[in-house]
N, C-alpha and C. Protein backbone atom coordinates (compact mmCIF):
# COMPACT_ATOMS: atom_id res chain seq x y z
N MET A 1 -60.83 -199.08 -140.82
CA MET A 1 -60.97 -197.64 -140.51
C MET A 1 -62.46 -197.23 -140.45
N VAL A 2 -63.19 -197.65 -141.42
CA VAL A 2 -64.64 -197.31 -141.40
C VAL A 2 -65.37 -197.92 -140.24
N LYS A 3 -64.92 -199.15 -139.90
CA LYS A 3 -65.54 -199.86 -138.75
C LYS A 3 -65.33 -199.09 -137.43
N HIS A 4 -64.17 -198.53 -137.28
CA HIS A 4 -63.87 -197.79 -136.08
C HIS A 4 -64.70 -196.55 -136.02
N VAL A 5 -64.83 -195.86 -137.15
CA VAL A 5 -65.64 -194.59 -137.18
C VAL A 5 -67.10 -194.96 -136.87
N LEU A 6 -67.59 -196.02 -137.41
CA LEU A 6 -69.00 -196.38 -137.15
C LEU A 6 -69.20 -196.77 -135.65
N LYS A 7 -68.19 -197.44 -135.06
CA LYS A 7 -68.33 -197.78 -133.64
C LYS A 7 -68.32 -196.54 -132.75
N ILE A 8 -67.43 -195.59 -133.09
CA ILE A 8 -67.38 -194.30 -132.34
C ILE A 8 -68.70 -193.58 -132.44
N ALA A 9 -69.21 -193.49 -133.69
CA ALA A 9 -70.49 -192.82 -133.97
C ALA A 9 -71.61 -193.48 -133.20
N LEU A 10 -71.66 -194.78 -133.17
CA LEU A 10 -72.69 -195.50 -132.46
C LEU A 10 -72.58 -195.21 -130.95
N GLY A 11 -71.36 -195.23 -130.45
CA GLY A 11 -71.13 -194.94 -129.03
C GLY A 11 -71.57 -193.56 -128.66
N ILE A 12 -71.25 -192.58 -129.45
CA ILE A 12 -71.68 -191.18 -129.21
C ILE A 12 -73.18 -191.09 -129.25
N LEU A 13 -73.81 -191.67 -130.26
CA LEU A 13 -75.25 -191.68 -130.40
C LEU A 13 -75.93 -192.27 -129.11
N LEU A 14 -75.43 -193.40 -128.68
CA LEU A 14 -75.96 -194.05 -127.52
C LEU A 14 -75.85 -193.18 -126.26
N VAL A 15 -74.69 -192.56 -126.11
CA VAL A 15 -74.47 -191.67 -124.92
C VAL A 15 -75.45 -190.49 -125.04
N LEU A 16 -75.64 -189.91 -126.20
CA LEU A 16 -76.53 -188.75 -126.36
C LEU A 16 -77.95 -189.18 -126.05
N ILE A 17 -78.36 -190.34 -126.54
CA ILE A 17 -79.71 -190.85 -126.24
C ILE A 17 -79.85 -191.03 -124.69
N GLY A 18 -78.77 -191.52 -124.10
CA GLY A 18 -78.79 -191.73 -122.62
C GLY A 18 -78.96 -190.40 -121.88
N ILE A 19 -78.26 -189.40 -122.32
CA ILE A 19 -78.34 -188.07 -121.73
C ILE A 19 -79.75 -187.53 -121.87
N ILE A 20 -80.33 -187.62 -123.08
CA ILE A 20 -81.67 -187.16 -123.31
C ILE A 20 -82.64 -187.94 -122.44
N GLY A 21 -82.40 -189.30 -122.36
CA GLY A 21 -83.25 -190.14 -121.57
C GLY A 21 -83.19 -189.81 -120.08
N GLY A 22 -82.06 -189.26 -119.63
CA GLY A 22 -81.95 -188.86 -118.27
C GLY A 22 -82.81 -187.64 -117.96
N LEU A 23 -83.11 -186.88 -118.93
CA LEU A 23 -83.90 -185.67 -118.76
C LEU A 23 -85.42 -185.95 -118.84
N ILE A 24 -85.79 -187.04 -119.49
CA ILE A 24 -87.16 -187.43 -119.58
C ILE A 24 -87.52 -188.49 -118.55
N PRO A 25 -88.48 -188.19 -117.70
CA PRO A 25 -88.71 -189.09 -116.56
C PRO A 25 -89.14 -190.53 -116.93
N ILE A 26 -89.83 -190.74 -118.00
CA ILE A 26 -90.34 -192.03 -118.37
C ILE A 26 -89.26 -192.87 -119.05
N PHE A 27 -88.38 -192.21 -119.76
CA PHE A 27 -87.38 -192.88 -120.59
C PHE A 27 -86.12 -193.28 -119.75
N GLN A 28 -85.69 -194.51 -119.87
CA GLN A 28 -84.51 -195.02 -119.09
C GLN A 28 -83.25 -194.63 -119.85
N GLY A 29 -82.57 -193.56 -119.45
CA GLY A 29 -81.34 -193.16 -120.13
C GLY A 29 -80.16 -194.07 -119.94
N TRP A 30 -80.04 -194.63 -118.70
CA TRP A 30 -78.88 -195.48 -118.47
C TRP A 30 -78.79 -196.68 -119.37
N PHE A 31 -80.02 -197.10 -119.82
CA PHE A 31 -80.10 -198.31 -120.72
C PHE A 31 -79.34 -198.10 -122.00
N PHE A 32 -79.23 -196.87 -122.46
CA PHE A 32 -78.48 -196.53 -123.66
C PHE A 32 -77.08 -195.92 -123.34
N GLY A 33 -76.99 -195.17 -122.26
CA GLY A 33 -75.76 -194.49 -121.94
C GLY A 33 -74.58 -195.39 -121.56
N ILE A 34 -74.89 -196.43 -120.77
CA ILE A 34 -73.85 -197.35 -120.33
C ILE A 34 -73.25 -198.15 -121.47
N PRO A 35 -74.06 -198.73 -122.37
CA PRO A 35 -73.46 -199.44 -123.53
C PRO A 35 -72.68 -198.48 -124.42
N GLY A 36 -73.15 -197.23 -124.55
CA GLY A 36 -72.40 -196.26 -125.33
C GLY A 36 -71.04 -195.96 -124.73
N MET A 37 -70.98 -195.87 -123.42
CA MET A 37 -69.67 -195.60 -122.73
C MET A 37 -68.78 -196.81 -122.86
N ILE A 38 -69.34 -198.01 -122.83
CA ILE A 38 -68.52 -199.24 -122.94
C ILE A 38 -67.89 -199.27 -124.35
N ILE A 39 -68.63 -198.85 -125.34
CA ILE A 39 -68.14 -198.84 -126.73
C ILE A 39 -67.00 -197.75 -126.84
N LEU A 40 -67.27 -196.58 -126.27
CA LEU A 40 -66.30 -195.49 -126.43
C LEU A 40 -65.06 -195.69 -125.54
N ALA A 41 -65.13 -196.56 -124.54
CA ALA A 41 -63.99 -196.79 -123.64
C ALA A 41 -62.81 -197.42 -124.44
N GLU A 42 -63.13 -198.12 -125.44
CA GLU A 42 -62.07 -198.71 -126.29
C GLU A 42 -61.21 -197.70 -127.00
N TYR A 43 -61.78 -196.55 -127.23
CA TYR A 43 -61.12 -195.50 -127.98
C TYR A 43 -60.68 -194.26 -127.17
N PHE A 44 -61.28 -194.03 -126.01
CA PHE A 44 -60.99 -192.87 -125.19
C PHE A 44 -60.64 -193.28 -123.80
N PRO A 45 -59.33 -193.15 -123.44
CA PRO A 45 -58.86 -193.58 -122.12
C PRO A 45 -59.60 -192.93 -120.90
N PRO A 46 -60.00 -191.65 -120.92
CA PRO A 46 -60.68 -191.13 -119.80
C PRO A 46 -61.99 -191.86 -119.52
N ILE A 47 -62.67 -192.26 -120.55
CA ILE A 47 -63.95 -192.99 -120.31
C ILE A 47 -63.66 -194.41 -119.76
N LYS A 48 -62.56 -194.96 -120.20
CA LYS A 48 -62.12 -196.26 -119.62
C LYS A 48 -61.84 -196.14 -118.16
N LYS A 49 -61.21 -195.05 -117.72
CA LYS A 49 -60.91 -194.80 -116.29
C LYS A 49 -62.20 -194.72 -115.49
N VAL A 50 -63.20 -193.99 -116.05
CA VAL A 50 -64.47 -193.85 -115.36
C VAL A 50 -65.13 -195.19 -115.22
N LEU A 51 -65.13 -196.02 -116.24
CA LEU A 51 -65.74 -197.33 -116.18
C LEU A 51 -65.05 -198.23 -115.18
N ASN A 52 -63.73 -198.18 -115.17
CA ASN A 52 -62.96 -198.98 -114.22
C ASN A 52 -63.25 -198.55 -112.81
N TRP A 53 -63.37 -197.25 -112.57
CA TRP A 53 -63.73 -196.72 -111.24
C TRP A 53 -65.10 -197.21 -110.83
N ALA A 54 -66.05 -197.17 -111.79
CA ALA A 54 -67.42 -197.61 -111.43
C ALA A 54 -67.50 -199.10 -111.13
N LYS A 55 -66.71 -199.89 -111.86
CA LYS A 55 -66.63 -201.32 -111.61
C LYS A 55 -66.11 -201.61 -110.22
N LYS A 56 -65.02 -200.89 -109.90
CA LYS A 56 -64.40 -201.11 -108.60
C LYS A 56 -65.32 -200.69 -107.48
N LYS A 57 -66.00 -199.59 -107.66
CA LYS A 57 -66.88 -199.00 -106.61
C LYS A 57 -68.08 -199.90 -106.38
N TYR A 58 -68.66 -200.45 -107.43
CA TYR A 58 -69.93 -201.19 -107.30
C TYR A 58 -69.75 -202.72 -107.38
N LYS A 59 -68.51 -203.17 -107.29
CA LYS A 59 -68.19 -204.58 -107.37
C LYS A 59 -68.76 -205.28 -106.09
N THR A 60 -69.48 -206.34 -106.28
CA THR A 60 -70.04 -207.02 -105.09
C THR A 60 -68.98 -207.90 -104.51
N LYS A 61 -69.00 -207.96 -103.19
CA LYS A 61 -68.03 -208.76 -102.47
C LYS A 61 -68.53 -210.22 -102.42
N LYS A 62 -67.61 -211.13 -102.69
CA LYS A 62 -67.92 -212.56 -102.68
C LYS A 62 -67.93 -213.05 -101.26
N LYS A 63 -68.96 -213.86 -100.96
CA LYS A 63 -69.00 -214.47 -99.62
C LYS A 63 -68.54 -215.92 -99.72
N ALA A 64 -67.72 -216.31 -98.75
CA ALA A 64 -67.13 -217.63 -98.77
C ALA A 64 -68.10 -218.68 -98.26
């Protein structure tokens, strides 16, 4: 139980840092926001849907 709470807290912290980083031009917010969303996707289905959508949209096509 404590492990899950810590993982959720870490995910939220990373997403918040990512949002703040998006507002500061020098700081790379996506570097923290994406891992935070990946952590939170395990616990929140809407975030999982967003990640699946992004994977499908940006998936590279294989060339034969």
